Amino acid sequence: MRHMLVISSLLAMLFVGCAGQGGVNLADVEKQAFDDLRSEIRIAINDAERETKAITLVDELSEELESLRSLKTISREQGRRLNANYDTTRAEFDVFISASNVEIRLTQQRILEKRVAFIAITTLEEWNQIFNARTNAISAAIESIQSI
């Protein structure tokens, strides 16, 4: 169950739409966390084929998180525009919210599928090694997410 914490924590970053705290840019922290995760995968997984698959999944996960962050930013901006327009009807808000939620949920589903695939190609020992080598960048990303 602990192995899900690292990926779940990275997934939680998808809900963050602001810069990091203390002058640290969250995008930089996230990039470092993914780079550290890739490095630890290279150390923990000795099978070249599974290592390549794992790193590919991490790359895809990173892209999906960026896509989700973008969707949320666009949705927030559209919501503000609708709210600023006094002529916007309840039906228009409902259509907007429904469409936005569908896009976000589909992206979240793809992220979860990648997480499941990632877990499936690693052994418990590999997961433990990856988890135990959690870096300062991953810890900082987790702390940043938890502080929001």
Protein backbone atom coordinates (compact mmCIF):
# COMPACT_ATOMS: atom_id res chain seq x y z
CA MET A 1 0.00 0.00 0.00
CA ARG A 2 2.93 2.33 0.68
CA HIS A 3 3.99 2.07 -2.94
CA MET A 4 0.75 3.77 -3.97
CA LEU A 5 1.71 6.81 -1.89
CA VAL A 6 4.41 7.97 -4.30
CA ILE A 7 2.23 7.72 -7.40
CA SER A 8 -0.86 8.94 -5.54
CA SER A 9 1.09 11.92 -4.28
CA LEU A 10 2.25 12.71 -7.79
CA LEU A 11 -1.32 12.35 -8.98
CA ALA A 12 -2.42 14.77 -6.33
CA MET A 13 -0.30 17.41 -8.01
CA LEU A 14 -2.84 17.48 -10.78
CA PHE A 15 -5.12 19.44 -8.49
CA VAL A 16 -2.58 22.18 -7.99
CA GLY A 17 -2.94 25.22 -10.16
CA CYS A 18 -0.71 27.69 -8.40
CA ALA A 19 2.96 28.34 -7.97
CA GLY A 20 4.93 26.76 -5.19
CA GLN A 21 5.64 28.38 -1.89
CA GLY A 22 8.72 30.20 -0.70
CA GLY A 23 9.87 31.22 -4.18
CA VAL A 24 9.94 27.62 -5.36
CA ASN A 25 8.01 27.02 -8.56
CA LEU A 26 5.78 23.96 -8.22
CA ALA A 27 6.41 23.03 -11.86
CA ASP A 28 10.15 22.86 -11.10
CA VAL A 29 9.52 20.75 -7.99
CA GLU A 30 7.25 18.45 -10.00
CA LYS A 31 9.81 18.13 -12.81
CA GLN A 32 12.52 17.29 -10.29
CA ALA A 33 10.24 14.74 -8.61
CA PHE A 34 9.58 12.99 -11.94
CA ASP A 35 13.28 13.10 -12.84
CA ASP A 36 14.11 11.56 -9.47
CA LEU A 37 11.44 8.91 -9.97
CA ARG A 38 12.93 8.01 -13.37
CA SER A 39 16.40 7.79 -11.84
CA GLU A 40 15.19 5.52 -9.06
CA ILE A 41 13.38 3.31 -11.58
CA ARG A 42 16.68 2.91 -13.46
CA ILE A 43 18.32 1.78 -10.22
CA ALA A 44 15.50 -0.41 -8.87
CA ILE A 45 14.41 -2.28 -12.01
CA ASN A 46 17.10 -4.54 -13.42
CA ASP A 47 15.10 -5.83 -16.38
CA ALA A 48 15.73 -3.48 -19.33
CA GLU A 49 12.33 -4.08 -20.94
CA ARG A 50 10.36 -3.43 -17.74
CA GLU A 51 12.56 -0.43 -16.95
CA THR A 52 11.81 1.08 -20.36
CA LYS A 53 8.10 0.44 -19.91
CA ALA A 54 8.13 1.98 -16.43
CA ILE A 55 9.92 5.11 -17.60
CA THR A 56 7.57 5.40 -20.57
CA LEU A 57 4.61 5.18 -18.17
CA VAL A 58 6.13 7.88 -15.96
CA ASP A 59 6.62 10.09 -19.03
CA GLU A 60 3.00 9.51 -20.06
CA LEU A 61 1.82 10.15 -16.52
CA SER A 62 3.71 13.45 -16.48
CA GLU A 63 2.06 14.46 -19.77
CA GLU A 64 -1.39 13.48 -18.52
CA LEU A 65 -0.89 15.51 -15.35
CA GLU A 66 0.10 18.52 -17.42
CA SER A 67 -2.97 17.98 -19.60
CA LEU A 68 -5.19 17.78 -16.55
CA ARG A 69 -3.67 20.90 -15.04
CA SER A 70 -4.30 22.70 -18.34
CA LEU A 71 -7.90 21.47 -18.47
CA LYS A 72 -8.49 22.70 -14.94
CA THR A 73 -6.96 26.10 -15.72
CA ILE A 74 -9.08 26.50 -18.85
CA SER A 75 -12.18 25.35 -16.98
CA ARG A 76 -11.54 27.83 -14.18
CA GLU A 77 -11.09 30.67 -16.70
CA GLN A 78 -14.26 29.72 -18.59
CA GLY A 79 -16.17 29.51 -15.31
CA ARG A 80 -15.02 33.01 -14.39
CA ARG A 81 -16.11 34.34 -17.79
CA LEU A 82 -19.53 32.75 -17.44
CA ASN A 83 -19.87 34.08 -13.91
CA ALA A 84 -18.90 37.59 -15.02
CA ASN A 85 -21.65 37.56 -17.67
CA TYR A 86 -24.91 38.43 -15.91
CA ASP A 87 -26.87 37.03 -18.85
CA THR A 88 -25.49 33.50 -18.36
CA THR A 89 -28.33 31.12 -17.58
CA ARG A 90 -28.36 28.25 -15.13
CA ALA A 91 -28.64 25.86 -18.09
CA GLU A 92 -25.45 27.31 -19.61
CA PHE A 93 -23.62 26.82 -16.31
CA ASP A 94 -24.92 23.25 -16.09
CA VAL A 95 -23.74 22.42 -19.63
CA PHE A 96 -20.35 23.99 -18.93
CA ILE A 97 -19.88 22.15 -15.62
CA SER A 98 -20.99 18.84 -17.09
CA ALA A 99 -18.69 19.08 -20.12
CA SER A 100 -15.77 20.23 -18.00
CA ASN A 101 -16.25 17.41 -15.49
CA VAL A 102 -16.38 14.80 -18.27
CA GLU A 103 -13.08 15.99 -19.75
CA ILE A 104 -11.40 16.08 -16.35
CA ARG A 105 -12.71 12.66 -15.34
CA LEU A 106 -11.56 11.07 -18.61
CA THR A 107 -8.08 12.46 -18.06
CA GLN A 108 -8.11 11.26 -14.45
CA GLN A 109 -9.15 7.81 -15.65
CA ARG A 110 -6.20 7.68 -18.06
CA ILE A 111 -3.91 8.67 -15.20
CA LEU A 112 -5.29 5.90 -13.00
CA GLU A 113 -4.87 3.38 -15.81
CA LYS A 114 -1.22 4.38 -16.15
CA ARG A 115 -0.75 4.02 -12.41
CA VAL A 116 -2.24 0.52 -12.48
CA ALA A 117 0.01 -0.41 -15.42
CA PHE A 118 3.03 0.97 -13.58
CA ILE A 119 2.24 -1.04 -10.46
CA ALA A 120 1.68 -4.17 -12.57
CA ILE A 121 5.16 -4.12 -14.11
CA THR A 122 7.05 -3.69 -10.84
CA THR A 123 7.72 -6.19 -8.09
CA LEU A 124 7.07 -5.51 -4.43
CA GLU A 125 10.83 -5.30 -3.82
CA GLU A 126 11.23 -2.77 -6.63
CA TRP A 127 8.37 -0.70 -5.24
CA ASN A 128 9.89 -0.77 -1.79
CA GLN A 129 13.22 0.39 -3.17
CA ILE A 130 11.58 3.18 -5.14
CA PHE A 131 9.53 4.24 -2.13
CA ASN A 132 12.41 4.04 0.34
CA ALA A 133 14.59 6.22 -1.87
CA ARG A 134 12.00 8.98 -1.92
CA THR A 135 13.91 12.14 -2.61
CA ASN A 136 13.74 15.63 -1.18
CA ALA A 137 12.03 16.82 -4.36
CA ILE A 138 9.24 14.26 -4.03
CA SER A 139 8.89 15.10 -0.34
CA ALA A 140 8.73 18.82 -1.16
CA ALA A 141 6.10 18.18 -3.84
CA ILE A 142 4.02 16.15 -1.39
CA GLU A 143 4.34 18.86 1.29
CA SER A 144 3.34 21.52 -1.21
CA ILE A 145 0.25 19.56 -2.20
CA GLN A 146 -0.72 18.86 1.39
CA SER A 147 -0.40 22.54 2.33
CA ILE A 148 -3.02 23.62 -0.21
